[in-house]
């Protein structure tokens, strides 16, 4: 079994986060940073999840939500995805108490508020103090 994922993005010297994190950054010249499928959308970050499994056992990812948009590509086999609307979050057993669901679908939990674009109060304060 193999599992490869990147999540934490390195901070840039001028502030903000890089678009890619290692080991994905090693492929920067080979990846389209704006795939045609994305149209005029500009990616905020690019992550990679790569998995392989024994065909008899299969693989599973627990119920979760991502804070960023996803483009899911299956190279071989089949995968069943069960998608729920962000508005379903208050009726689900989450690991925190849902405080707010922004109109764009961003979910906030009690004690961890963010703006609709994911900025925390600390991010906003740091930006204002520049």
N, C-alpha and C. Protein backbone atom coordinates (compact mmCIF):
# COMPACT_ATOMS: atom_id res chain seq x y z
N UNK A 1 0.84 -1.19 0.00
CA UNK A 1 0.00 0.00 0.00
C UNK A 1 0.87 1.23 0.00
N UNK A 2 0.47 2.21 -0.77
CA UNK A 2 1.17 3.48 -0.83
C UNK A 2 0.21 4.60 -0.47
N UNK A 3 0.74 5.62 0.15
CA UNK A 3 -0.07 6.79 0.46
C UNK A 3 0.85 8.00 0.41
N UNK A 4 0.54 8.94 -0.42
CA UNK A 4 1.34 10.15 -0.54
C UNK A 4 0.40 11.33 -0.53
N UNK A 5 0.67 12.30 0.31
CA UNK A 5 -0.17 13.48 0.36
C UNK A 5 0.69 14.68 0.72
N UNK A 6 0.31 15.84 0.26
CA UNK A 6 0.94 17.08 0.70
C UNK A 6 -0.18 17.99 1.17
N UNK A 7 0.06 18.75 2.19
CA UNK A 7 -0.95 19.66 2.70
C UNK A 7 -0.37 21.02 3.04
N UNK A 8 0.57 21.04 3.99
CA UNK A 8 1.11 22.32 4.47
C UNK A 8 1.89 23.01 3.36
N UNK A 9 1.54 24.25 3.09
CA UNK A 9 2.23 25.02 2.06
C UNK A 9 3.28 25.90 2.71
N UNK A 10 4.48 25.95 2.13
CA UNK A 10 5.52 26.80 2.70
C UNK A 10 5.14 28.28 2.59
N UNK A 11 5.59 29.07 3.56
CA UNK A 11 5.34 30.52 3.53
C UNK A 11 6.35 31.19 2.60
N UNK A 12 5.88 32.17 1.87
CA UNK A 12 6.76 32.94 0.98
C UNK A 12 7.45 34.04 1.77
N UNK A 13 8.60 34.48 1.31
CA UNK A 13 9.35 35.52 2.04
C UNK A 13 8.56 36.82 2.13
N UNK A 14 7.72 37.14 1.14
CA UNK A 14 6.93 38.36 1.16
C UNK A 14 5.59 38.20 1.86
N UNK A 15 5.36 37.03 2.45
CA UNK A 15 4.08 36.75 3.10
C UNK A 15 3.21 35.90 2.21
N UNK A 16 2.26 35.25 2.77
CA UNK A 16 1.38 34.36 2.01
C UNK A 16 1.99 32.98 1.86
N UNK A 17 1.24 32.10 1.22
CA UNK A 17 1.68 30.73 1.05
C UNK A 17 2.06 30.46 -0.40
N UNK A 18 2.97 29.54 -0.58
CA UNK A 18 3.35 29.09 -1.92
C UNK A 18 2.17 28.33 -2.53
N UNK A 19 2.19 28.18 -3.83
CA UNK A 19 1.13 27.46 -4.53
C UNK A 19 1.28 25.96 -4.38
N UNK A 20 2.53 25.48 -4.29
CA UNK A 20 2.83 24.06 -4.21
C UNK A 20 3.72 23.76 -3.02
N UNK A 21 3.63 22.56 -2.50
CA UNK A 21 4.50 22.11 -1.42
C UNK A 21 5.25 20.86 -1.89
N UNK A 22 6.42 20.59 -1.31
CA UNK A 22 7.13 19.36 -1.66
C UNK A 22 6.27 18.16 -1.25
N UNK A 23 6.28 17.07 -1.98
CA UNK A 23 7.10 16.76 -3.14
C UNK A 23 6.49 17.23 -4.46
N UNK A 24 5.27 17.77 -4.42
CA UNK A 24 4.60 18.21 -5.64
C UNK A 24 5.36 19.34 -6.34
N UNK A 25 6.05 20.18 -5.59
CA UNK A 25 6.79 21.29 -6.19
C UNK A 25 7.88 20.81 -7.14
N UNK A 26 8.36 19.58 -6.97
CA UNK A 26 9.36 19.02 -7.88
C UNK A 26 8.78 18.81 -9.28
N UNK A 27 7.45 18.75 -9.38
CA UNK A 27 6.79 18.53 -10.67
C UNK A 27 6.27 19.83 -11.28
N UNK A 28 6.61 20.95 -10.70
CA UNK A 28 6.07 22.26 -11.13
C UNK A 28 6.15 22.49 -12.63
N UNK A 29 7.26 22.15 -13.24
CA UNK A 29 7.43 22.40 -14.69
C UNK A 29 6.62 21.43 -15.54
N UNK A 30 6.15 20.34 -14.96
CA UNK A 30 5.42 19.33 -15.72
C UNK A 30 3.91 19.41 -15.53
N UNK A 31 3.46 20.20 -14.57
CA UNK A 31 2.03 20.30 -14.28
C UNK A 31 1.45 21.59 -14.84
N UNK A 32 0.24 21.52 -15.39
CA UNK A 32 -0.41 22.78 -15.78
C UNK A 32 -0.92 23.47 -14.52
N UNK A 33 -0.42 24.65 -14.23
CA UNK A 33 -0.85 25.36 -13.02
C UNK A 33 -2.26 25.91 -13.17
N UNK A 34 -2.72 26.07 -14.40
CA UNK A 34 -4.10 26.45 -14.66
C UNK A 34 -4.66 25.52 -15.72
N UNK A 35 -5.15 24.34 -15.31
CA UNK A 35 -5.69 23.39 -16.29
C UNK A 35 -6.84 24.01 -17.07
N UNK A 36 -6.95 23.66 -18.34
CA UNK A 36 -8.02 24.22 -19.18
C UNK A 36 -9.39 23.98 -18.57
N UNK A 37 -9.54 22.87 -17.88
CA UNK A 37 -10.80 22.53 -17.24
C UNK A 37 -11.23 23.60 -16.22
N UNK A 38 -10.27 24.31 -15.63
CA UNK A 38 -10.57 25.31 -14.61
C UNK A 38 -11.07 26.63 -15.21
N UNK A 39 -11.01 26.77 -16.51
CA UNK A 39 -11.48 28.01 -17.13
C UNK A 39 -10.69 29.20 -16.63
N UNK A 40 -11.40 30.23 -16.17
CA UNK A 40 -10.73 31.46 -15.69
C UNK A 40 -10.41 31.41 -14.20
N UNK A 41 -10.69 30.29 -13.53
CA UNK A 41 -10.39 30.18 -12.11
C UNK A 41 -8.88 30.08 -11.89
N UNK A 42 -8.40 30.71 -10.84
CA UNK A 42 -6.98 30.66 -10.48
C UNK A 42 -6.83 29.83 -9.22
N UNK A 43 -6.06 28.75 -9.27
CA UNK A 43 -5.87 27.93 -8.07
C UNK A 43 -5.20 28.70 -6.95
N UNK A 44 -5.66 28.48 -5.74
CA UNK A 44 -5.03 29.08 -4.55
C UNK A 44 -3.92 28.18 -4.05
N UNK A 45 -4.12 26.87 -4.17
CA UNK A 45 -3.10 25.91 -3.78
C UNK A 45 -3.33 24.63 -4.57
N UNK A 46 -2.27 23.88 -4.76
CA UNK A 46 -2.36 22.60 -5.44
C UNK A 46 -1.83 21.53 -4.50
N UNK A 47 -2.60 20.50 -4.29
CA UNK A 47 -2.21 19.38 -3.44
C UNK A 47 -2.33 18.10 -4.24
N UNK A 48 -1.65 17.09 -3.78
CA UNK A 48 -1.68 15.80 -4.44
C UNK A 48 -1.99 14.73 -3.41
N UNK A 49 -2.93 13.88 -3.73
CA UNK A 49 -3.17 12.68 -2.93
C UNK A 49 -3.03 11.52 -3.89
N UNK A 50 -2.20 10.59 -3.56
CA UNK A 50 -1.95 9.44 -4.41
C UNK A 50 -2.11 8.19 -3.56
N UNK A 51 -2.92 7.27 -4.00
CA UNK A 51 -3.12 6.06 -3.23
C UNK A 51 -3.14 4.84 -4.11
N UNK A 52 -2.77 3.72 -3.55
CA UNK A 52 -2.81 2.43 -4.23
C UNK A 52 -3.29 1.42 -3.20
N UNK A 53 -4.01 0.44 -3.66
CA UNK A 53 -4.55 -0.52 -2.70
C UNK A 53 -4.57 -1.92 -3.27
N UNK A 54 -4.73 -2.87 -2.42
CA UNK A 54 -4.96 -4.25 -2.80
C UNK A 54 -6.39 -4.33 -3.32
N UNK A 55 -6.57 -4.84 -4.51
CA UNK A 55 -7.90 -4.85 -5.14
C UNK A 55 -8.92 -5.64 -4.34
N UNK A 56 -8.49 -6.62 -3.55
CA UNK A 56 -9.45 -7.42 -2.77
C UNK A 56 -10.00 -6.63 -1.60
N UNK A 57 -9.15 -5.80 -0.98
CA UNK A 57 -9.58 -5.08 0.22
C UNK A 57 -10.18 -3.72 -0.09
N UNK A 58 -9.75 -3.10 -1.15
CA UNK A 58 -10.20 -1.76 -1.47
C UNK A 58 -9.58 -0.73 -0.56
N UNK A 59 -10.00 0.49 -0.69
CA UNK A 59 -9.49 1.57 0.14
C UNK A 59 -10.66 2.48 0.50
N UNK A 60 -10.52 3.20 1.58
CA UNK A 60 -11.60 4.09 2.00
C UNK A 60 -11.02 5.35 2.61
N UNK A 61 -11.72 6.43 2.47
CA UNK A 61 -11.38 7.68 3.17
C UNK A 61 -12.60 7.97 4.03
N UNK A 62 -12.36 8.28 5.28
CA UNK A 62 -13.47 8.60 6.17
C UNK A 62 -14.20 9.86 5.72
N UNK A 63 -15.40 10.01 6.22
CA UNK A 63 -16.19 11.19 5.91
C UNK A 63 -15.44 12.43 6.37
N UNK A 64 -15.21 13.35 5.47
CA UNK A 64 -14.48 14.57 5.78
C UNK A 64 -14.87 15.65 4.78
N UNK A 65 -14.42 16.85 5.05
CA UNK A 65 -14.58 17.91 4.06
C UNK A 65 -13.26 18.63 3.90
N UNK A 66 -13.05 19.13 2.71
CA UNK A 66 -11.84 19.87 2.41
C UNK A 66 -12.20 21.35 2.34
N UNK A 67 -11.27 22.19 2.73
CA UNK A 67 -11.53 23.63 2.67
C UNK A 67 -11.27 24.20 1.29
N UNK A 68 -10.63 23.43 0.44
CA UNK A 68 -10.35 23.90 -0.92
C UNK A 68 -11.12 23.06 -1.92
N UNK A 69 -11.31 23.61 -3.10
CA UNK A 69 -11.98 22.87 -4.17
C UNK A 69 -11.11 21.69 -4.57
N UNK A 70 -11.74 20.69 -5.14
CA UNK A 70 -11.04 19.47 -5.53
C UNK A 70 -11.33 19.12 -6.98
N UNK A 71 -10.34 18.56 -7.62
CA UNK A 71 -10.49 17.94 -8.92
C UNK A 71 -10.04 16.50 -8.72
N UNK A 72 -10.96 15.56 -8.81
CA UNK A 72 -10.66 14.17 -8.49
C UNK A 72 -10.45 13.41 -9.79
N UNK A 73 -9.30 12.77 -9.93
CA UNK A 73 -8.98 11.98 -11.12
C UNK A 73 -8.67 10.55 -10.70
N UNK A 74 -9.40 9.62 -11.23
CA UNK A 74 -9.17 8.21 -10.96
C UNK A 74 -8.46 7.62 -12.17
N UNK A 75 -7.27 7.07 -11.95
CA UNK A 75 -6.49 6.54 -13.06
C UNK A 75 -6.89 5.13 -13.46
N UNK A 76 -7.34 4.34 -12.48
CA UNK A 76 -7.72 2.97 -12.78
C UNK A 76 -8.68 2.48 -11.71
N UNK A 77 -9.56 1.60 -12.08
CA UNK A 77 -10.49 1.02 -11.12
C UNK A 77 -11.74 1.85 -10.97
N UNK A 78 -12.32 1.80 -9.79
CA UNK A 78 -13.54 2.56 -9.55
C UNK A 78 -13.53 3.06 -8.11
N UNK A 79 -14.27 4.10 -7.87
CA UNK A 79 -14.34 4.72 -6.56
C UNK A 79 -15.76 5.25 -6.41
N UNK A 80 -16.34 5.01 -5.26
CA UNK A 80 -17.67 5.56 -4.98
C UNK A 80 -17.48 6.79 -4.10
N UNK A 81 -17.97 7.92 -4.56
CA UNK A 81 -17.92 9.16 -3.80
C UNK A 81 -19.32 9.50 -3.35
N UNK A 82 -19.45 9.84 -2.10
CA UNK A 82 -20.73 10.26 -1.56
C UNK A 82 -20.57 11.73 -1.21
N UNK A 83 -21.29 12.59 -1.89
CA UNK A 83 -21.15 14.03 -1.69
C UNK A 83 -22.37 14.57 -0.94
N UNK A 84 -22.09 15.46 -0.01
CA UNK A 84 -23.15 16.12 0.76
C UNK A 84 -23.01 17.62 0.59
N UNK A 85 -24.11 18.31 0.60
CA UNK A 85 -24.09 19.76 0.50
C UNK A 85 -23.56 20.35 1.81
N UNK A 86 -22.83 21.47 1.75
CA UNK A 86 -22.38 22.11 2.99
C UNK A 86 -23.53 22.41 3.94
N UNK A 87 -24.71 22.67 3.40
CA UNK A 87 -25.87 22.97 4.26
C UNK A 87 -26.29 21.76 5.10
N UNK A 88 -25.79 20.55 4.78
CA UNK A 88 -26.09 19.36 5.57
C UNK A 88 -25.22 19.29 6.83
N UNK A 89 -24.16 20.06 6.91
CA UNK A 89 -23.19 19.96 8.02
C UNK A 89 -23.84 20.08 9.41
N UNK A 90 -24.76 21.01 9.65
CA UNK A 90 -25.33 21.10 10.99
C UNK A 90 -26.10 19.85 11.43
N UNK A 91 -26.51 19.01 10.49
CA UNK A 91 -27.25 17.80 10.81
C UNK A 91 -26.36 16.56 10.87
N UNK A 92 -25.05 16.75 10.70
CA UNK A 92 -24.13 15.62 10.71
C UNK A 92 -23.34 15.61 12.02
N UNK A 93 -22.79 14.45 12.35
CA UNK A 93 -21.97 14.34 13.56
C UNK A 93 -20.55 14.77 13.22
N UNK A 94 -20.27 16.04 13.37
CA UNK A 94 -18.96 16.58 13.04
C UNK A 94 -18.05 16.53 14.27
N UNK A 95 -16.76 16.76 14.05
CA UNK A 95 -15.80 16.76 15.16
C UNK A 95 -15.79 18.09 15.90
N UNK A 96 -16.64 18.98 15.54
CA UNK A 96 -16.78 20.26 16.21
C UNK A 96 -18.20 20.76 16.01
N UNK A 97 -18.59 21.76 16.75
CA UNK A 97 -19.93 22.32 16.60
C UNK A 97 -19.92 23.32 15.45
N UNK A 98 -20.77 23.07 14.47
CA UNK A 98 -20.85 23.95 13.30
C UNK A 98 -21.38 25.30 13.76
N UNK A 99 -20.60 26.35 13.51
CA UNK A 99 -20.96 27.71 13.89
C UNK A 99 -21.67 28.43 12.75
N UNK A 100 -21.16 28.22 11.54
CA UNK A 100 -21.71 28.94 10.38
C UNK A 100 -21.32 28.22 9.10
N UNK A 101 -22.21 28.28 8.12
CA UNK A 101 -21.89 27.82 6.77
C UNK A 101 -22.01 29.05 5.88
N UNK A 102 -20.88 29.49 5.32
CA UNK A 102 -20.87 30.66 4.44
C UNK A 102 -21.62 30.35 3.14
N UNK A 103 -22.13 31.36 2.45
CA UNK A 103 -22.85 31.12 1.19
C UNK A 103 -22.03 30.34 0.15
N UNK A 104 -20.70 30.45 0.21
CA UNK A 104 -19.87 29.71 -0.74
C UNK A 104 -19.61 28.27 -0.29
N UNK A 105 -20.16 27.87 0.86
CA UNK A 105 -20.00 26.50 1.34
C UNK A 105 -18.93 26.33 2.40
N UNK A 106 -18.14 27.34 2.67
CA UNK A 106 -17.08 27.25 3.69
C UNK A 106 -17.74 27.04 5.06
N UNK A 107 -17.31 26.00 5.78
CA UNK A 107 -17.89 25.66 7.07
C UNK A 107 -16.99 26.19 8.18
N UNK A 108 -17.59 26.88 9.14
CA UNK A 108 -16.87 27.35 10.33
C UNK A 108 -17.33 26.55 11.53
N UNK A 109 -16.36 26.23 12.39
CA UNK A 109 -16.66 25.53 13.63
C UNK A 109 -16.46 26.47 14.80
N UNK A 110 -17.18 26.25 15.88
CA UNK A 110 -17.06 27.08 17.08
C UNK A 110 -15.60 27.11 17.52
N UNK A 111 -15.09 28.29 17.81
CA UNK A 111 -13.72 28.45 18.25
C UNK A 111 -12.71 28.55 17.13
N UNK A 112 -13.15 28.41 15.87
CA UNK A 112 -12.24 28.49 14.74
C UNK A 112 -12.88 29.25 13.59
N UNK A 113 -13.28 30.51 13.84
CA UNK A 113 -13.98 31.26 12.80
C UNK A 113 -13.04 31.69 11.67
N UNK A 114 -13.56 31.70 10.47
CA UNK A 114 -12.83 32.21 9.31
C UNK A 114 -13.80 33.01 8.46
N UNK A 115 -13.23 33.82 7.59
CA UNK A 115 -14.03 34.50 6.57
C UNK A 115 -14.40 33.46 5.51
N UNK A 116 -15.25 33.83 4.58
CA UNK A 116 -15.67 32.90 3.54
C UNK A 116 -14.49 32.40 2.71
N UNK A 117 -13.44 33.22 2.59
CA UNK A 117 -12.27 32.80 1.80
C UNK A 117 -11.23 32.06 2.64
N UNK A 118 -11.52 31.79 3.90
CA UNK A 118 -10.62 31.02 4.74
C UNK A 118 -9.70 31.84 5.63
N UNK A 119 -9.72 33.17 5.47
CA UNK A 119 -8.87 34.01 6.32
C UNK A 119 -9.33 33.95 7.76
N UNK A 120 -8.37 33.86 8.67
CA UNK A 120 -8.69 33.91 10.10
C UNK A 120 -8.57 35.36 10.56
N UNK A 121 -9.07 35.65 11.75
CA UNK A 121 -8.93 37.01 12.31
C UNK A 121 -7.45 37.36 12.43
N UNK A 122 -6.61 36.39 12.76
CA UNK A 122 -5.16 36.62 12.85
C UNK A 122 -4.59 37.02 11.49
N UNK A 123 -5.03 36.36 10.42
CA UNK A 123 -4.57 36.71 9.06
C UNK A 123 -4.93 38.15 8.74
N UNK A 124 -6.16 38.55 9.05
CA UNK A 124 -6.61 39.91 8.74
C UNK A 124 -5.81 40.92 9.55
N UNK A 125 -5.59 40.67 10.83
CA UNK A 125 -4.81 41.58 11.66
C UNK A 125 -3.39 41.70 11.15
N UNK A 126 -2.78 40.59 10.79
CA UNK A 126 -1.41 40.61 10.26
C UNK A 126 -1.33 41.42 8.98
N UNK A 127 -2.33 41.30 8.10
CA UNK A 127 -2.37 42.05 6.85
C UNK A 127 -2.51 43.55 7.12
N UNK A 128 -3.36 43.92 8.09
CA UNK A 128 -3.60 45.34 8.41
C UNK A 128 -2.37 46.00 9.03
N UNK A 129 -1.55 45.22 9.73
CA UNK A 129 -0.38 45.78 10.40
C UNK A 129 0.81 45.96 9.45
N UNK A 130 0.71 45.51 8.24
CA UNK A 130 1.82 45.68 7.28
C UNK A 130 2.05 47.12 6.95
